[in-house]
Amino acid sequence: MKNIAMRISMIALAAAMFAVCAFAGILRPSDIGDAIVTDPSLGNQEQENGAENGTPEDDGAPGDSPADGPAPPADTPAQDGADEPAPPADVPADPPAAEQPPADAPEEAPPEKEYVRAKVNGLQVRSGPGTGYSSLGYIDKNDMVTLLGKSGNWYKTLYKNKTAYVSADAAHSEVFGITLQDEDEAVEKVIVIGLQLLGYPYVYGATRLHDGSGNLIKGFDKTKYDCSSLMQYMYYHGASVNLHMTTRTQVKQGKFVAKKNLRRGDLMFFTNAQRYNKTGVERIGHVALYLGDNYILHTASDYAVIEPISAQRWNYYVESRRVL
């Protein structure tokens, strides 16, 4: 009987302890397992007591999986941003995009003066754009005339102070550009005068336009030139510059220019076979105007022309002068 009484006392004590722990939320029936058999009515009372006190059925104790998933990390802001601290006033919400360096502008090509260059000897220069028009003259291979435009398959140009045309057939001619490093308006005006005189025949000792001081000479014929009278006419009408009457006096005008510093518009002076062995200014026998890219405008033994400086003429080169 004592043993039975002790067992009843132990059961009563355990039940009392279980009830206290369950009411405090410390112990649940599942924590006791199969060791203690509880009264079903006690479990219902626990649920009712928990509901009355607002205690959730699952308090998230270790080892249990919360019904709503894991709690967010402590540094994760709430979704509604209610507790998110405001950014400092001097920090812009969206920093401005970094400025991109400007793209390098393409370098502009130096300007050019365009000419029509013959690809054959004896290229006819005609009064109109067609073979049925009369011939005003001709230019030989590598000789050039100015380019004014195009009419059909013909280039428009100037020749003997008239509008003229040469074939634009690729087998006969081509457009050639002379690069201008430093375009000088005064020089270009001089050259324009010379372009109008292309084709006029060379006449040795032709009457000059003026006496070297600007005093006009009677008997001057604007269709006949030798080398120094051509330069005198061009500079007088193009730049109001008075050149002297002969090559051997013109070479003393302006300032000396080294060969490596030649520039468009400079006067180039040469000797010739007859004067090659002379000395001083007596060696000078020819003058031409430099256009650039190894081309000169001058008149020699036939007519006023634009042509490249040949190797033979370079052998005769003496010096250059700049008067503009």
Protein backbone atom coordinates (compact mmCIF):
# COMPACT_ATOMS: atom_id res chain seq x y z
CA MET A 1 0.00 0.00 0.00
CA LYS A 2 2.86 2.32 0.77
CA ASN A 3 4.27 1.75 -2.70
CA ILE A 4 0.94 2.48 -4.27
CA ALA A 5 0.58 5.63 -2.24
CA MET A 6 4.10 6.75 -3.21
CA ARG A 7 3.36 6.18 -6.93
CA ILE A 8 0.14 8.14 -6.71
CA SER A 9 1.99 10.95 -4.97
CA MET A 10 4.72 10.98 -7.64
CA ILE A 11 2.17 11.02 -10.43
CA ALA A 12 0.26 13.83 -8.76
CA LEU A 13 3.47 15.78 -8.25
CA ALA A 14 4.56 15.30 -11.85
CA ALA A 15 1.16 16.33 -13.12
CA ALA A 16 1.28 19.44 -10.98
CA MET A 17 4.75 20.35 -12.29
CA PHE A 18 3.64 19.73 -15.88
CA ALA A 19 0.63 21.96 -15.43
CA VAL A 20 2.78 24.77 -14.00
CA CYS A 21 5.34 24.55 -16.82
CA ALA A 22 2.73 24.36 -19.52
CA PHE A 23 0.93 27.37 -18.11
CA ALA A 24 4.22 29.34 -18.07
CA GLY A 25 5.01 28.36 -21.69
CA ILE A 26 8.18 26.51 -20.65
CA LEU A 27 7.18 22.92 -21.22
CA ARG A 28 4.85 21.24 -23.72
CA PRO A 29 3.55 17.74 -23.84
CA SER A 30 5.90 16.98 -26.69
CA ASP A 31 8.84 17.85 -24.44
CA ILE A 32 7.88 15.04 -22.03
CA GLY A 33 7.32 12.47 -24.73
CA ASP A 34 6.05 9.08 -23.68
CA ALA A 35 7.38 9.36 -20.14
CA ILE A 36 4.20 10.95 -18.72
CA VAL A 37 0.62 10.27 -19.68
CA THR A 38 -1.46 13.37 -19.38
CA ASP A 39 -5.12 13.91 -19.03
CA PRO A 40 -6.61 14.96 -22.41
CA SER A 41 -8.58 17.62 -20.67
CA LEU A 42 -5.34 19.18 -19.47
CA GLY A 43 -4.10 19.60 -23.04
CA ASN A 44 -7.30 21.40 -24.03
CA GLN A 45 -6.91 23.67 -21.09
CA GLU A 46 -3.36 24.58 -22.23
CA GLN A 47 -4.60 25.56 -25.66
CA GLU A 48 -7.35 27.67 -24.21
CA ASN A 49 -4.99 29.32 -21.74
CA GLY A 50 -2.50 30.05 -24.58
CA ALA A 51 -5.20 31.62 -26.76
CA GLU A 52 -6.40 33.71 -23.89
CA ASN A 53 -2.89 35.01 -23.17
CA GLY A 54 -2.00 35.68 -26.91
CA THR A 55 0.81 33.13 -26.85
CA PRO A 56 1.42 31.57 -30.31
CA GLU A 57 1.31 27.85 -30.63
CA ASP A 58 4.87 27.93 -32.08
CA ASP A 59 7.24 30.25 -30.27
CA GLY A 60 10.17 29.54 -32.56
CA ALA A 61 12.14 27.58 -30.02
CA PRO A 62 15.39 26.01 -31.26
CA GLY A 63 14.80 23.02 -33.49
CA ASP A 64 11.37 24.24 -34.66
CA SER A 65 10.67 25.72 -38.13
CA PRO A 66 8.66 28.97 -37.98
CA ALA A 67 5.46 28.92 -39.99
CA ASP A 68 6.37 32.21 -41.82
CA GLY A 69 9.98 31.32 -42.78
CA PRO A 70 13.27 32.57 -41.29
CA ALA A 71 13.45 36.01 -39.78
CA PRO A 72 15.23 38.58 -42.00
CA PRO A 73 18.83 39.52 -41.15
CA ALA A 74 19.25 42.42 -38.78
CA ASP A 75 20.75 44.71 -41.48
CA THR A 76 17.89 44.11 -43.95
CA PRO A 77 15.64 47.19 -44.04
CA ALA A 78 11.93 46.76 -43.65
CA GLN A 79 10.05 46.55 -46.91
CA ASP A 80 7.99 49.65 -46.29
CA GLY A 81 11.09 51.67 -45.43
CA ALA A 82 9.45 53.07 -42.32
CA ASP A 83 12.56 52.59 -40.17
CA GLU A 84 15.13 53.25 -43.00
CA PRO A 85 17.37 56.23 -42.15
CA ALA A 86 17.20 59.17 -44.56
CA PRO A 87 20.34 59.77 -46.67
CA PRO A 88 22.51 62.78 -45.78
CA ALA A 89 21.28 66.01 -47.33
CA ASP A 90 24.52 66.59 -49.28
CA VAL A 91 24.53 63.18 -50.97
CA PRO A 92 22.64 63.17 -54.31
CA ALA A 93 20.27 60.30 -54.84
CA ASP A 94 21.69 59.58 -58.32
CA PRO A 95 25.28 60.74 -58.90
CA PRO A 96 25.76 62.48 -62.28
CA ALA A 97 27.23 60.42 -65.09
CA ALA A 98 30.92 60.96 -65.66
CA GLU A 99 31.63 63.40 -68.47
CA GLN A 100 33.02 61.78 -71.58
CA PRO A 101 35.99 63.50 -73.24
CA PRO A 102 35.04 65.08 -76.56
CA ALA A 103 35.81 62.97 -79.59
CA ASP A 104 38.80 64.14 -81.57
CA ALA A 105 37.68 66.08 -84.61
CA PRO A 106 39.11 64.73 -87.84
CA GLU A 107 41.96 66.77 -89.17
CA GLU A 108 41.06 68.84 -92.17
CA ALA A 109 43.05 68.16 -95.31
CA PRO A 110 45.06 71.10 -96.64
CA PRO A 111 43.25 72.99 -99.43
CA GLU A 112 44.16 72.34 -103.04
CA LYS A 113 44.04 74.14 -106.35
CA GLU A 114 42.79 71.83 -109.06
CA TYR A 115 44.16 71.63 -112.58
CA VAL A 116 43.65 69.50 -115.66
CA ARG A 117 46.79 67.53 -116.48
CA ALA A 118 47.41 66.00 -119.89
CA LYS A 119 48.19 62.29 -120.03
CA VAL A 120 49.22 62.38 -123.70
CA ASN A 121 51.25 64.64 -125.94
CA GLY A 122 49.39 67.03 -128.24
CA LEU A 123 46.14 67.16 -126.23
CA GLN A 124 43.96 69.63 -128.11
CA VAL A 125 42.56 72.67 -126.36
CA ARG A 126 39.30 73.58 -128.11
CA SER A 127 36.97 76.56 -128.20
CA GLY A 128 33.94 74.40 -127.24
CA PRO A 129 33.10 71.07 -125.56
CA GLY A 130 33.41 68.80 -128.59
CA THR A 131 35.71 67.71 -131.37
CA GLY A 132 33.76 69.81 -133.84
CA TYR A 133 35.03 73.04 -132.22
CA SER A 134 38.17 74.77 -133.43
CA SER A 135 41.54 74.13 -131.79
CA LEU A 136 43.12 76.95 -129.82
CA GLY A 137 46.35 75.04 -129.24
CA TYR A 138 47.57 72.01 -127.34
CA ILE A 139 49.36 70.86 -124.21
CA ASP A 140 51.79 67.97 -123.87
CA LYS A 141 51.98 65.15 -121.38
CA ASN A 142 52.12 66.40 -117.74
CA ASP A 143 51.40 69.99 -118.80
CA MET A 144 48.42 71.57 -117.05
CA VAL A 145 45.69 74.17 -117.41
CA THR A 146 43.35 75.45 -114.71
CA LEU A 147 40.09 73.61 -113.98
CA LEU A 148 36.96 75.76 -114.08
CA GLY A 149 34.31 73.05 -114.35
CA LYS A 150 33.02 70.29 -116.59
CA SER A 151 30.63 70.12 -119.53
CA GLY A 152 29.70 66.58 -120.50
CA ASN A 153 32.96 64.75 -121.12
CA TRP A 154 34.97 67.96 -121.39
CA TYR A 155 36.86 70.01 -118.81
CA LYS A 156 36.32 73.74 -118.88
CA THR A 157 39.47 75.88 -118.64
CA LEU A 158 41.21 79.07 -119.78
CA TYR A 159 43.56 79.31 -122.72
CA LYS A 160 44.88 82.42 -124.46
CA ASN A 161 42.60 84.54 -122.28
CA LYS A 162 39.51 82.66 -123.53
CA THR A 163 37.18 79.99 -122.19
CA ALA A 164 38.38 76.66 -123.57
CA TYR A 165 37.84 72.91 -123.24
CA VAL A 166 39.94 69.75 -123.15
CA SER A 167 38.81 66.14 -123.30
CA ALA A 168 37.92 64.62 -119.93
CA ASP A 169 38.40 61.08 -121.24
CA ALA A 170 40.46 59.17 -118.66
CA ALA A 171 42.88 58.13 -121.39
CA HIS A 172 43.58 61.77 -122.27
CA SER A 173 43.57 63.80 -119.04
CA GLU A 174 43.11 63.80 -115.28
CA VAL A 175 42.43 66.23 -112.45
CA PHE A 176 45.53 67.11 -110.43
CA GLY A 177 45.53 69.06 -107.17
CA ILE A 178 48.39 71.24 -105.94
CA THR A 179 48.42 71.42 -102.15
CA LEU A 180 48.34 74.88 -100.59
CA GLN A 181 50.29 75.00 -97.34
CA ASP A 182 49.79 78.70 -96.72
CA GLU A 183 47.31 80.27 -99.10
CA ASP A 184 48.15 83.90 -99.81
CA GLU A 185 45.42 85.98 -101.44
CA ALA A 186 47.90 88.34 -103.12
CA VAL A 187 49.85 85.42 -104.59
CA GLU A 188 46.67 83.78 -105.88
CA LYS A 189 45.68 86.97 -107.70
CA VAL A 190 49.04 86.97 -109.46
CA ILE A 191 48.58 83.33 -110.46
CA VAL A 192 45.06 83.98 -111.81
CA ILE A 193 46.52 86.52 -114.23
CA GLY A 194 49.07 83.96 -115.37
CA LEU A 195 46.40 81.28 -115.93
CA GLN A 196 44.67 83.57 -118.43
CA LEU A 197 47.87 83.87 -120.46
CA LEU A 198 48.52 80.15 -120.93
CA GLY A 199 48.98 79.28 -124.60
CA TYR A 200 50.27 82.65 -125.74
CA PRO A 201 53.41 82.16 -127.81
CA TYR A 202 56.90 82.84 -126.54
CA VAL A 203 58.55 85.83 -128.23
CA TYR A 204 62.15 86.53 -127.36
CA GLY A 205 62.69 90.18 -126.42
CA ALA A 206 58.95 90.94 -126.41
CA THR A 207 58.02 94.53 -125.57
CA ARG A 208 57.57 95.01 -121.83
CA LEU A 209 54.43 96.32 -120.17
CA HIS A 210 56.36 99.01 -118.32
CA ASP A 211 59.88 100.30 -117.71
CA GLY A 212 60.32 98.72 -114.28
CA SER A 213 58.94 101.73 -112.43
CA GLY A 214 55.35 101.39 -113.61
CA ASN A 215 55.61 103.69 -116.63
CA LEU A 216 53.75 101.91 -119.45
CA ILE A 217 55.62 101.33 -122.71
CA LYS A 218 54.03 101.89 -126.10
CA GLY A 219 53.89 98.92 -128.43
CA PHE A 220 53.23 96.36 -125.72
CA ASP A 221 51.31 93.36 -127.11
CA LYS A 222 49.35 91.40 -124.48
CA THR A 223 49.53 88.23 -126.61
CA LYS A 224 53.35 88.09 -126.80
CA TYR A 225 55.72 87.39 -123.90
CA ASP A 226 59.13 86.17 -123.01
CA CYS A 227 59.85 84.82 -119.51
CA SER A 228 60.66 88.11 -117.71
CA SER A 229 57.93 90.15 -119.45
CA LEU A 230 55.37 87.47 -118.45
CA MET A 231 56.38 87.74 -114.78
CA GLN A 232 56.32 91.54 -114.98
CA TYR A 233 52.78 91.56 -116.42
CA MET A 234 51.46 89.05 -113.85
CA TYR A 235 52.83 90.91 -110.83
CA TYR A 236 51.78 94.31 -112.10
CA HIS A 237 48.13 93.36 -112.71
CA GLY A 238 47.86 90.80 -109.92
CA ALA A 239 49.61 92.57 -107.04
CA SER A 240 50.57 96.10 -108.23
CA VAL A 241 54.24 95.11 -107.91
CA ASN A 242 56.72 96.60 -110.40
CA LEU A 243 59.25 94.02 -111.50
CA HIS A 244 62.27 95.14 -113.50
CA MET A 245 62.60 94.50 -117.22
CA THR A 246 65.01 91.52 -117.39
CA THR A 247 65.78 88.37 -115.46
CA ARG A 248 69.20 89.71 -114.46
CA THR A 249 67.63 92.73 -112.76
CA GLN A 250 64.58 90.92 -111.38
CA VAL A 251 66.88 88.51 -109.51
CA LYS A 252 67.97 91.44 -107.34
CA GLN A 253 64.43 92.18 -106.14
CA GLY A 254 62.63 90.79 -103.10
CA LYS A 255 64.43 88.59 -100.62
CA PHE A 256 66.46 85.43 -101.07
CA VAL A 257 64.66 82.12 -100.47
CA ALA A 258 66.51 78.86 -99.88
CA LYS A 259 65.51 75.99 -102.13
CA LYS A 260 64.10 74.00 -99.21
CA ASN A 261 61.85 76.95 -98.30
CA LEU A 262 60.27 77.47 -101.72
CA ARG A 263 56.68 78.65 -101.54
CA ARG A 264 53.86 79.17 -104.02
CA GLY A 265 54.39 82.49 -105.83
CA ASP A 266 58.17 82.64 -105.44
CA LEU A 267 60.26 83.58 -108.49
CA MET A 268 62.73 80.88 -109.53
CA PHE A 269 65.80 81.83 -111.54
CA PHE A 270 67.77 79.49 -113.79
CA THR A 271 70.75 79.60 -116.08
CA ASN A 272 70.78 78.03 -119.56
CA ALA A 273 73.17 76.34 -121.91
CA GLN A 274 74.49 79.66 -123.24
CA ARG A 275 75.06 81.21 -119.80
CA TYR A 276 75.92 78.13 -117.78
CA ASN A 277 79.63 79.01 -117.40
CA LYS A 278 79.14 82.70 -116.65
CA THR A 279 79.38 84.11 -113.14
CA GLY A 280 77.20 86.32 -110.94
CA VAL A 281 73.97 87.66 -112.36
CA GLU A 282 75.25 86.98 -115.86
CA ARG A 283 74.49 83.32 -115.28
CA ILE A 284 70.76 84.13 -115.03
CA GLY A 285 68.90 83.35 -118.25
CA HIS A 286 65.37 82.35 -117.23
CA VAL A 287 62.65 83.05 -114.63
CA ALA A 288 59.50 81.14 -113.66
CA LEU A 289 56.82 81.34 -110.97
CA TYR A 290 56.67 78.42 -108.55
CA LEU A 291 53.19 76.87 -108.07
CA GLY A 292 54.04 74.01 -105.70
CA ASP A 293 54.45 70.23 -105.96
CA ASN A 294 57.38 70.73 -108.41
CA TYR A 295 55.28 72.73 -110.92
CA ILE A 296 56.05 76.13 -112.44
CA LEU A 297 54.14 78.62 -114.60
CA HIS A 298 56.39 80.24 -117.23
CA THR A 299 57.06 80.67 -120.90
CA ALA A 300 60.16 79.28 -122.55
CA SER A 301 60.73 78.28 -126.16
CA ASP A 302 57.14 77.67 -127.29
CA TYR A 303 54.24 79.13 -125.23
CA ALA A 304 53.13 80.01 -121.72
CA VAL A 305 52.53 76.77 -119.85
CA ILE A 306 52.28 75.02 -116.48
CA GLU A 307 54.72 72.12 -116.40
CA PRO A 308 56.82 70.10 -113.93
CA ILE A 309 60.40 71.12 -113.29
CA SER A 310 62.49 68.63 -115.22
CA ALA A 311 65.76 67.15 -113.98
CA GLN A 312 67.62 69.18 -116.61
CA ARG A 313 66.01 72.43 -115.43
CA TRP A 314 66.90 71.62 -111.81
CA ASN A 315 70.49 71.32 -113.00
CA TYR A 316 70.19 74.90 -114.25
CA TYR A 317 68.64 76.21 -111.01
CA VAL A 318 70.44 79.20 -109.46
CA GLU A 319 68.24 80.77 -106.75
CA SER A 320 64.78 82.00 -105.79
CA ARG A 321 63.36 85.34 -104.66
CA ARG A 322 60.18 86.30 -102.80
CA VAL A 323 58.58 89.63 -103.68
CA LEU A 324 55.25 89.14 -101.86
